[in-house]
Amino acid sequence: MKNKKIIGRLESITLPELGIDGLEVRVDTGAKTSSLHVDNIKKSIANGIHQVTFDIHPDAHNVDRIVTCTAPISDMRKVKSSNGTSEQRYVIETTIVLGAESWAIEITLTDRSDMSYLMLFGREAIGTRFLVDPSKVFLGSK
């Protein structure tokens, strides 16, 4: 436990492969997989690789800013949300940066427009790297 960094219930992360920087995420140890709010999901095949193209509005204060991303599909999963409904979601794998740490995580793509934060940072992504102090915010992002 000595080597684990402590993060708060909210953190600021970067998804460099998607061109997203300073995205505020909600840390959720109850969620197995991380999930990201996206719009306009389109599946395609390029050079034999199944991929998705989607839009992200990474700045909650500037909804006119749109980042269009393309990523290989790593899986399709049935995910049960906190309200009990299930849906099939595309899963991508991408690099996340939190503080000085950088590693690959899986993210499901979904509509989180009714949620306060564009991304949930789930327990598989947290892994054995961090401990979560729910009374604090932005501890790992400093």
C-alpha atoms as a PDB file:
ATOM      1  CA  MET A   1       0.000   0.000   0.000  1.00  0.00           C
ATOM      2  CA  LYS A   2       2.956   2.322   0.483  1.00  0.00           C
ATOM      3  CA  ASN A   3       3.584   2.605  -3.264  1.00  0.00           C
ATOM      4  CA  LYS A   4       0.022   3.423  -4.263  1.00  0.00           C
ATOM      5  CA  LYS A   5      -0.868   7.000  -5.066  1.00  0.00           C
ATOM      6  CA  ILE A   6      -4.077   8.461  -3.714  1.00  0.00           C
ATOM      7  CA  ILE A   7      -6.576   9.962  -6.137  1.00  0.00           C
ATOM      8  CA  GLY A   8      -9.821  11.794  -5.440  1.00  0.00           C
ATOM      9  CA  ARG A   9     -13.390  11.272  -6.578  1.00  0.00           C
ATOM     10  CA  LEU A  10     -12.747  13.688  -9.473  1.00  0.00           C
ATOM     11  CA  GLU A  11      -9.565  13.805 -11.544  1.00  0.00           C
ATOM     12  CA  SER A  12      -8.283  15.492 -14.686  1.00  0.00           C
ATOM     13  CA  ILE A  13      -6.890  13.122 -17.315  1.00  0.00           C
ATOM     14  CA  THR A  14      -5.460  13.154 -20.813  1.00  0.00           C
ATOM     15  CA  LEU A  15      -6.305  10.718 -23.605  1.00  0.00           C
ATOM     16  CA  PRO A  16      -3.402  11.568 -25.947  1.00  0.00           C
ATOM     17  CA  GLU A  17      -4.313   9.098 -28.724  1.00  0.00           C
ATOM     18  CA  LEU A  18      -7.752  10.720 -28.931  1.00  0.00           C
ATOM     19  CA  GLY A  19      -6.439  14.295 -28.737  1.00  0.00           C
ATOM     20  CA  ILE A  20      -8.197  14.974 -25.421  1.00  0.00           C
ATOM     21  CA  ASP A  21      -6.455  16.951 -22.675  1.00  0.00           C
ATOM     22  CA  GLY A  22      -7.704  18.120 -19.282  1.00  0.00           C
ATOM     23  CA  LEU A  23     -10.851  15.977 -19.270  1.00  0.00           C
ATOM     24  CA  GLU A  24     -12.520  15.949 -15.850  1.00  0.00           C
ATOM     25  CA  VAL A  25     -13.553  12.409 -14.943  1.00  0.00           C
ATOM     26  CA  ARG A  26     -15.548  10.903 -12.123  1.00  0.00           C
ATOM     27  CA  VAL A  27     -13.662   8.124 -10.363  1.00  0.00           C
ATOM     28  CA  ASP A  28     -16.102   5.243  -9.854  1.00  0.00           C
ATOM     29  CA  THR A  29     -14.916   2.080  -8.116  1.00  0.00           C
ATOM     30  CA  GLY A  30     -18.427   0.660  -8.576  1.00  0.00           C
ATOM     31  CA  ALA A  31     -18.042   0.707 -12.362  1.00  0.00           C
ATOM     32  CA  LYS A  32     -15.986  -2.181 -13.733  1.00  0.00           C
ATOM     33  CA  THR A  33     -15.062  -0.546 -17.039  1.00  0.00           C
ATOM     34  CA  SER A  34     -14.453   3.117 -17.793  1.00  0.00           C
ATOM     35  CA  SER A  35     -17.037   4.761 -20.042  1.00  0.00           C
ATOM     36  CA  LEU A  36     -16.880   7.852 -22.220  1.00  0.00           C
ATOM     37  CA  HIS A  37     -19.714  10.032 -23.523  1.00  0.00           C
ATOM     38  CA  VAL A  38     -19.554  10.249 -27.314  1.00  0.00           C
ATOM     39  CA  ASP A  39     -21.857  11.310 -30.137  1.00  0.00           C
ATOM     40  CA  ASN A  40     -22.250  10.216 -33.753  1.00  0.00           C
ATOM     41  CA  ILE A  41     -20.706   6.744 -33.428  1.00  0.00           C
ATOM     42  CA  LYS A  42     -20.042   5.215 -36.834  1.00  0.00           C
ATOM     43  CA  LYS A  43     -18.502   1.790 -37.406  1.00  0.00           C
ATOM     44  CA  SER A  44     -16.296   1.207 -40.446  1.00  0.00           C
ATOM     45  CA  ILE A  45     -13.570  -1.049 -41.786  1.00  0.00           C
ATOM     46  CA  ALA A  46     -10.212   0.348 -42.930  1.00  0.00           C
ATOM     47  CA  ASN A  47      -7.436  -1.952 -44.144  1.00  0.00           C
ATOM     48  CA  GLY A  48      -9.344  -4.904 -42.693  1.00  0.00           C
ATOM     49  CA  ILE A  49      -9.528  -3.330 -39.210  1.00  0.00           C
ATOM     50  CA  HIS A  50     -12.918  -2.687 -37.597  1.00  0.00           C
ATOM     51  CA  GLN A  51     -12.976   0.815 -36.160  1.00  0.00           C
ATOM     52  CA  VAL A  52     -15.302   3.459 -34.803  1.00  0.00           C
ATOM     53  CA  THR A  53     -15.392   7.165 -35.482  1.00  0.00           C
ATOM     54  CA  PHE A  54     -17.098   9.359 -32.914  1.00  0.00           C
ATOM     55  CA  ASP A  55     -17.351  12.928 -31.653  1.00  0.00           C
ATOM     56  CA  ILE A  56     -16.436  14.180 -28.188  1.00  0.00           C
ATOM     57  CA  HIS A  57     -17.218  17.570 -26.647  1.00  0.00           C
ATOM     58  CA  PRO A  58     -14.310  17.574 -24.159  1.00  0.00           C
ATOM     59  CA  ASP A  59     -15.001  21.016 -22.706  1.00  0.00           C
ATOM     60  CA  ALA A  60     -18.281  21.153 -20.778  1.00  0.00           C
ATOM     61  CA  HIS A  61     -18.067  24.965 -20.874  1.00  0.00           C
ATOM     62  CA  ASN A  62     -17.655  25.108 -24.665  1.00  0.00           C
ATOM     63  CA  VAL A  63     -20.019  22.651 -26.345  1.00  0.00           C
ATOM     64  CA  ASP A  64     -19.143  24.102 -29.742  1.00  0.00           C
ATOM     65  CA  ARG A  65     -15.707  22.466 -29.504  1.00  0.00           C
ATOM     66  CA  ILE A  66     -15.919  19.025 -31.087  1.00  0.00           C
ATOM     67  CA  VAL A  67     -13.094  16.522 -31.375  1.00  0.00           C
ATOM     68  CA  THR A  68     -13.642  13.752 -33.910  1.00  0.00           C
ATOM     69  CA  CYS A  69     -11.767  10.561 -33.054  1.00  0.00           C
ATOM     70  CA  THR A  70     -11.177   7.214 -34.729  1.00  0.00           C
ATOM     71  CA  ALA A  71     -10.085   4.114 -32.847  1.00  0.00           C
ATOM     72  CA  PRO A  72      -9.916   0.375 -33.512  1.00  0.00           C
ATOM     73  CA  ILE A  73     -12.730  -1.624 -31.917  1.00  0.00           C
ATOM     74  CA  SER A  74     -11.274  -4.002 -29.353  1.00  0.00           C
ATOM     75  CA  ASP A  75     -14.597  -5.571 -28.301  1.00  0.00           C
ATOM     76  CA  MET A  76     -18.383  -5.275 -28.105  1.00  0.00           C
ATOM     77  CA  ARG A  77     -19.868  -5.759 -24.633  1.00  0.00           C
ATOM     78  CA  LYS A  78     -23.224  -5.825 -22.972  1.00  0.00           C
ATOM     79  CA  VAL A  79     -22.957  -3.304 -20.142  1.00  0.00           C
ATOM     80  CA  LYS A  80     -25.467  -2.845 -17.333  1.00  0.00           C
ATOM     81  CA  SER A  81     -25.709   0.776 -16.238  1.00  0.00           C
ATOM     82  CA  SER A  82     -26.359   2.046 -12.720  1.00  0.00           C
ATOM     83  CA  ASN A  83     -30.065   2.464 -13.546  1.00  0.00           C
ATOM     84  CA  GLY A  84     -30.310  -1.258 -14.383  1.00  0.00           C
ATOM     85  CA  THR A  85     -30.615  -1.029 -18.172  1.00  0.00           C
ATOM     86  CA  SER A  86     -28.279  -3.009 -20.431  1.00  0.00           C
ATOM     87  CA  GLU A  87     -26.849  -1.968 -23.778  1.00  0.00           C
ATOM     88  CA  GLN A  88     -24.301  -3.217 -26.283  1.00  0.00           C
ATOM     89  CA  ARG A  89     -21.293  -0.898 -26.379  1.00  0.00           C
ATOM     90  CA  TYR A  90     -18.195  -0.580 -28.483  1.00  0.00           C
ATOM     91  CA  VAL A  91     -14.999  -0.966 -26.485  1.00  0.00           C
ATOM     92  CA  ILE A  92     -11.755   0.765 -27.444  1.00  0.00           C
ATOM     93  CA  GLU A  93      -8.323   0.576 -25.896  1.00  0.00           C
ATOM     94  CA  THR A  94      -6.381   3.798 -25.514  1.00  0.00           C
ATOM     95  CA  THR A  95      -3.668   5.392 -23.418  1.00  0.00           C
ATOM     96  CA  ILE A  96      -4.613   7.448 -20.376  1.00  0.00           C
ATOM     97  CA  VAL A  97      -2.382   9.913 -18.544  1.00  0.00           C
ATOM     98  CA  LEU A  98      -3.087  10.804 -14.924  1.00  0.00           C
ATOM     99  CA  GLY A  99      -0.416  12.874 -13.225  1.00  0.00           C
ATOM    100  CA  ALA A 100       2.943  11.248 -14.026  1.00  0.00           C
ATOM    101  CA  GLU A 101       1.350   7.853 -14.799  1.00  0.00           C
ATOM    102  CA  SER A 102       0.526   6.616 -18.302  1.00  0.00           C
ATOM    103  CA  TRP A 103      -0.996   3.239 -19.239  1.00  0.00           C
ATOM    104  CA  ALA A 104      -3.501   1.543 -21.575  1.00  0.00           C
ATOM    105  CA  ILE A 105      -7.141   1.215 -20.523  1.00  0.00           C
ATOM    106  CA  GLU A 106     -10.381  -0.048 -22.020  1.00  0.00           C
ATOM    107  CA  ILE A 107     -13.216   2.443 -22.476  1.00  0.00           C
ATOM    108  CA  THR A 108     -16.793   1.742 -23.480  1.00  0.00           C
ATOM    109  CA  LEU A 109     -18.453   4.331 -25.701  1.00  0.00           C
ATOM    110  CA  THR A 110     -21.961   5.458 -24.757  1.00  0.00           C
ATOM    111  CA  ASP A 111     -24.396   8.338 -24.370  1.00  0.00           C
ATOM    112  CA  ARG A 112     -23.747   9.940 -20.956  1.00  0.00           C
ATOM    113  CA  SER A 113     -25.456  13.221 -21.842  1.00  0.00           C
ATOM    114  CA  ASP A 114     -27.679  12.979 -18.773  1.00  0.00           C
ATOM    115  CA  MET A 115     -24.634  12.604 -16.476  1.00  0.00           C
ATOM    116  CA  SER A 116     -22.529  15.346 -14.887  1.00  0.00           C
ATOM    117  CA  TYR A 117     -19.179  14.065 -16.178  1.00  0.00           C
ATOM    118  CA  LEU A 118     -18.256  12.933 -19.670  1.00  0.00           C
ATOM    119  CA  MET A 119     -16.235   9.986 -18.414  1.00  0.00           C
ATOM    120  CA  LEU A 120     -16.358   7.432 -15.630  1.00  0.00           C
ATOM    121  CA  PHE A 121     -12.941   6.177 -14.574  1.00  0.00           C
ATOM    122  CA  GLY A 122     -13.689   2.579 -13.546  1.00  0.00           C
ATOM    123  CA  ARG A 123     -11.972   0.101 -11.258  1.00  0.00           C
ATOM    124  CA  GLU A 124     -10.265  -1.917 -14.026  1.00  0.00           C
ATOM    125  CA  ALA A 125      -8.479   1.265 -15.129  1.00  0.00           C
ATOM    126  CA  ILE A 126      -7.674   2.217 -11.541  1.00  0.00           C
ATOM    127  CA  GLY A 127      -6.271  -1.285 -11.042  1.00  0.00           C
ATOM    128  CA  THR A 128      -3.600  -1.637  -8.398  1.00  0.00           C
ATOM    129  CA  ARG A 129      -2.094   1.794  -9.131  1.00  0.00           C
ATOM    130  CA  PHE A 130      -4.238   3.964  -6.883  1.00  0.00           C
ATOM    131  CA  LEU A 131      -6.261   4.244  -3.725  1.00  0.00           C
ATOM    132  CA  VAL A 132      -9.343   6.472  -3.861  1.00  0.00           C
ATOM    133  CA  ASP A 133     -10.131   9.102  -1.224  1.00  0.00           C
ATOM    134  CA  PRO A 134     -13.757  10.065  -1.971  1.00  0.00           C
ATOM    135  CA  SER A 135     -13.521  13.155   0.242  1.00  0.00           C
ATOM    136  CA  LYS A 136     -10.901  14.762  -2.045  1.00  0.00           C
ATOM    137  CA  VAL A 137     -10.699  15.931  -5.670  1.00  0.00           C
ATOM    138  CA  PHE A 138      -7.836  16.276  -8.170  1.00  0.00           C
ATOM    139  CA  LEU A 139      -5.164  14.658  -5.968  1.00  0.00           C
ATOM    140  CA  GLY A 140      -3.581  12.682  -8.821  1.00  0.00           C
ATOM    141  CA  SER A 141      -3.825  15.515 -11.316  1.00  0.00           C
ATOM    142  CA  LYS A 142      -1.580  17.907  -9.378  1.00  0.00           C
END
